[in-house]
Each structure stands twice: as structure tokens, then as C-alpha cells.
């Protein structure tokens, strides 16, 4: 039952749980931590002073720049300082979920969907250039999407350019 719940609802500290909290769809437990709504009180409404902005709730320290013109075919996905080195995050771009990783001062983008069980790679663990799927631990190289667990599996990778303060991805 635990795996099914994780697949349907997401992990307690994952992106889907954070988005439910931002949208006010998650109830807090008596200890004040997010839950799936079994008990507790309703979180503050989005316009209240205690509600976190989306960037903070998603642990992004800077908003994506709006004054940067990306190269042709690219879209601005986040501020270059929003993602700490050694971290990976899920980003929605053009209706598609991708995982953006930062290794040192380099950025990489791959599909967010693990081919094994559709696990969200942006919620996985990044170790160097290798991300582990949070569902079953399949590993992928963020540089080219190659699967280290199954050589026949591959996730699409996308070109990334940093323009000024913006990380831009070509879909």
C-alpha cells in the first residue's frame, strides 16, 4: 500500500506535496508538518502573510528572470542561482515536466520521467552527474540521459544555455 500511495500522492517532502501546500490543498498535522489531510488544520490561504511564495516553498532562492531573452527555441526555466550545486529539481516547461540538475557551475536537463515506473527524477538524489530515481533507484547520467541500471533504457536530454542570470532549456 505504501508504494501505491507514493505513486499516486507523491512523497511527503516531494514536489507534489509542496505544490499541494502552495495551493492550499494540504492540511497540516498538529505538529505543523504537511500531511495528506487525515487530520489537523487547514494551511493559511495564499494571500495571508504566513503563506510562502512558490519559489521559497520549492526551495528556490531566486525567481526566474523575466528580463532575459532566451536563444531561439529555448525557454527560461530558472535563475542560475536558484539551484544549489549538487541539486536537481522538477520544472514544468511548455507543459512538459523536466528535471534540471546543477553539477558545479554546469546545468543539465533531462526528462523527469523514469522509463521503469515513471518515477519523478527531479525528486531523486543527485550524486555527481548521476541521478537516482526515487521509486526504484534506477540511475541516469544527467549529461546525456543514459541509464546506468539498464543500458537499453534512456531518458531524453535537452540542451541548456545560461544567458545572463537565466538557465534556458531547448525543448
Protein backbone atom coordinates (compact mmCIF):
# COMPACT_ATOMS: atom_id res chain seq x y z
CA UNK A 1 0.00 0.00 0.00
CA UNK A 2 2.90 2.36 0.76
CA UNK A 3 4.30 2.17 -2.79
CA UNK A 4 0.85 2.70 -4.32
CA UNK A 5 0.28 5.74 -2.09
CA UNK A 6 3.70 7.12 -3.06
CA UNK A 7 2.95 6.61 -6.76
CA UNK A 8 -0.47 8.28 -6.55
CA UNK A 9 0.09 11.01 -3.97
CA UNK A 10 3.86 11.52 -4.10
CA UNK A 11 6.43 11.58 -1.33
CA UNK A 12 5.70 13.67 1.81
CA UNK A 13 8.58 16.04 1.00
CA UNK A 14 8.33 15.80 -2.79
CA UNK A 15 7.35 18.39 -5.37
CA UNK A 16 3.70 17.32 -5.49
CA UNK A 17 3.35 17.69 -1.70
CA UNK A 18 4.98 21.13 -1.86
CA UNK A 19 2.65 22.21 -4.68
CA UNK A 20 -0.40 20.96 -2.76
CA UNK A 21 0.78 23.08 0.18
CA UNK A 22 1.22 26.14 -2.04
CA UNK A 23 -2.25 25.68 -3.49
CA UNK A 24 -3.75 25.18 -0.03
CA UNK A 25 -4.77 21.59 -0.76
CA UNK A 26 -2.71 20.04 2.06
CA UNK A 27 -3.72 20.09 5.68
CA UNK A 28 -1.11 20.44 8.41
CA UNK A 29 -0.79 17.95 11.24
CA UNK A 30 -0.89 19.10 14.84
CA UNK A 31 2.91 19.29 14.72
CA UNK A 32 2.65 21.69 11.77
CA UNK A 33 4.17 19.41 9.12
CA UNK A 34 2.39 18.65 5.85
CA UNK A 35 0.30 15.51 5.65
CA UNK A 36 -2.12 14.07 3.20
CA UNK A 37 -5.02 15.61 5.05
CA UNK A 38 -6.01 12.89 7.51
CA UNK A 39 -6.03 15.27 10.49
CA UNK A 40 -5.10 18.79 11.52
CA UNK A 41 -5.99 22.26 10.37
CA UNK A 42 -6.10 23.99 7.03
CA UNK A 43 -2.94 25.86 5.93
CA UNK A 44 -3.04 29.63 5.57
CA UNK A 45 -4.64 30.96 2.38
CA UNK A 46 -2.29 32.09 -0.43
CA UNK A 47 -2.85 35.80 0.30
CA UNK A 48 -2.05 35.53 4.03
CA UNK A 49 1.26 36.90 5.35
CA UNK A 50 2.30 33.42 6.56
CA UNK A 51 1.91 31.78 3.13
CA UNK A 52 5.22 31.10 1.38
CA UNK A 53 5.81 32.21 -2.20
CA UNK A 54 6.21 29.33 -4.68
CA UNK A 55 9.97 29.89 -5.10
CA UNK A 56 10.56 29.59 -1.34
CA UNK A 57 8.26 26.60 -0.95
CA UNK A 58 10.14 24.83 -3.73
CA UNK A 59 13.42 25.82 -2.06
CA UNK A 60 14.35 28.16 -4.91
CA UNK A 61 16.19 31.19 -3.63
CA UNK A 62 15.59 33.36 -6.69
CA UNK A 63 12.74 33.83 -9.14
CA UNK A 64 13.34 33.03 -12.81
CA UNK A 65 14.45 36.23 -14.57
CA UNK A 66 11.83 37.82 -16.79
CA UNK A 67 14.09 40.37 -18.43
CA UNK A 68 16.24 37.79 -20.30
CA UNK A 69 15.59 36.95 -23.93
CA UNK A 70 16.46 33.28 -24.43
CA UNK A 71 18.06 31.99 -27.64
CA UNK A 72 15.68 30.81 -30.37
CA UNK A 73 13.91 27.60 -29.35
CA UNK A 74 14.93 27.92 -25.69
CA UNK A 75 12.79 28.85 -22.68
CA UNK A 76 13.89 30.42 -19.41
CA UNK A 77 13.32 27.85 -16.65
CA UNK A 78 15.00 29.33 -13.57
CA UNK A 79 17.50 31.82 -12.17
CA UNK A 80 21.05 30.47 -12.35
CA UNK A 81 21.48 30.92 -8.58
CA UNK A 82 18.12 29.33 -7.70
CA UNK A 83 19.53 25.82 -7.74
CA UNK A 84 22.43 24.94 -5.47
CA UNK A 85 25.31 22.82 -6.83
CA UNK A 86 24.62 19.11 -6.41
CA UNK A 87 20.83 19.55 -6.54
CA UNK A 88 18.12 18.54 -9.01
CA UNK A 89 14.58 19.86 -9.32
CA UNK A 90 11.46 19.27 -11.38
CA UNK A 91 10.44 22.14 -13.65
CA UNK A 92 7.40 22.36 -15.94
CA UNK A 93 8.25 23.85 -19.32
CA UNK A 94 5.75 24.04 -22.16
CA UNK A 95 3.51 21.57 -20.33
CA UNK A 96 6.33 19.02 -20.02
CA UNK A 97 7.99 18.03 -16.75
CA UNK A 98 11.78 18.05 -16.93
CA UNK A 99 14.48 17.60 -14.32
CA UNK A 100 17.11 20.35 -14.15
CA UNK A 101 20.35 19.48 -12.37
CA UNK A 102 23.30 21.62 -11.34
CA UNK A 103 26.71 19.97 -11.11
CA UNK A 104 29.29 22.56 -10.08
CA UNK A 105 28.53 25.51 -12.33
CA UNK A 106 27.07 23.41 -15.15
CA UNK A 107 23.36 22.83 -15.71
CA UNK A 108 21.76 19.80 -17.33
CA UNK A 109 18.18 18.96 -18.29
CA UNK A 110 16.62 15.54 -18.80
CA UNK A 111 13.10 14.16 -18.93
CA UNK A 112 11.55 13.96 -15.49
CA UNK A 113 10.02 10.54 -16.21
CA UNK A 114 11.94 7.37 -15.35
CA UNK A 115 11.21 4.76 -18.05
CA UNK A 116 10.99 1.98 -15.45
CA UNK A 117 7.97 3.17 -13.45
CA UNK A 118 7.50 6.84 -14.40
CA UNK A 119 9.31 7.96 -11.23
CA UNK A 120 9.94 11.73 -10.95
CA UNK A 121 13.69 12.10 -11.50
CA UNK A 122 13.56 15.73 -10.31
CA UNK A 123 12.72 14.36 -6.86
CA UNK A 124 15.64 11.91 -6.97
CA UNK A 125 19.10 12.05 -5.45
CA UNK A 126 21.97 13.58 -7.41
CA UNK A 127 25.49 12.21 -6.90
CA UNK A 128 27.89 13.93 -9.26
CA UNK A 129 26.38 13.54 -12.73
CA UNK A 130 24.22 10.57 -11.69
CA UNK A 131 20.60 10.91 -10.54
CA UNK A 132 18.80 8.04 -8.80
CA UNK A 133 15.07 7.58 -9.33
CA UNK A 134 13.23 7.91 -6.01
CA UNK A 135 10.94 4.96 -6.78
CA UNK A 136 13.26 2.06 -7.55
CA UNK A 137 16.76 3.52 -7.67
CA UNK A 138 17.43 3.34 -11.38
CA UNK A 139 20.31 5.69 -12.18
CA UNK A 140 20.78 8.08 -15.10
CA UNK A 141 23.58 10.35 -16.28
CA UNK A 142 22.22 13.91 -16.42
CA UNK A 143 24.68 14.79 -19.20
CA UNK A 144 23.09 12.54 -21.83
CA UNK A 145 20.18 10.66 -20.20
CA UNK A 146 21.97 7.29 -20.37
CA UNK A 147 20.68 4.74 -17.88
CA UNK A 148 23.38 3.14 -15.75
CA UNK A 149 21.00 0.46 -14.43
CA UNK A 150 19.67 -0.77 -17.78
CA UNK A 151 21.80 0.02 -20.86
CA UNK A 152 18.70 -0.28 -23.10
CA UNK A 153 16.81 2.46 -21.26
CA UNK A 154 17.35 6.14 -21.94
CA UNK A 155 15.67 9.39 -20.97
CA UNK A 156 15.69 12.36 -23.33
CA UNK A 157 18.20 15.08 -22.53
CA UNK A 158 17.80 18.71 -23.55
CA UNK A 159 20.36 21.39 -24.45
CA UNK A 160 20.90 24.01 -21.74
CA UNK A 161 22.38 27.50 -22.02
CA UNK A 162 22.97 30.08 -19.32
CA UNK A 163 22.13 33.56 -20.60
CA UNK A 164 22.96 36.27 -18.11
CA UNK A 165 21.24 35.13 -14.92
CA UNK A 166 18.83 32.73 -16.65
CA UNK A 167 19.05 28.99 -17.19
CA UNK A 168 17.46 28.30 -20.57
CA UNK A 169 16.40 24.88 -21.91
CA UNK A 170 15.65 23.92 -25.50
CA UNK A 171 12.68 21.56 -25.79
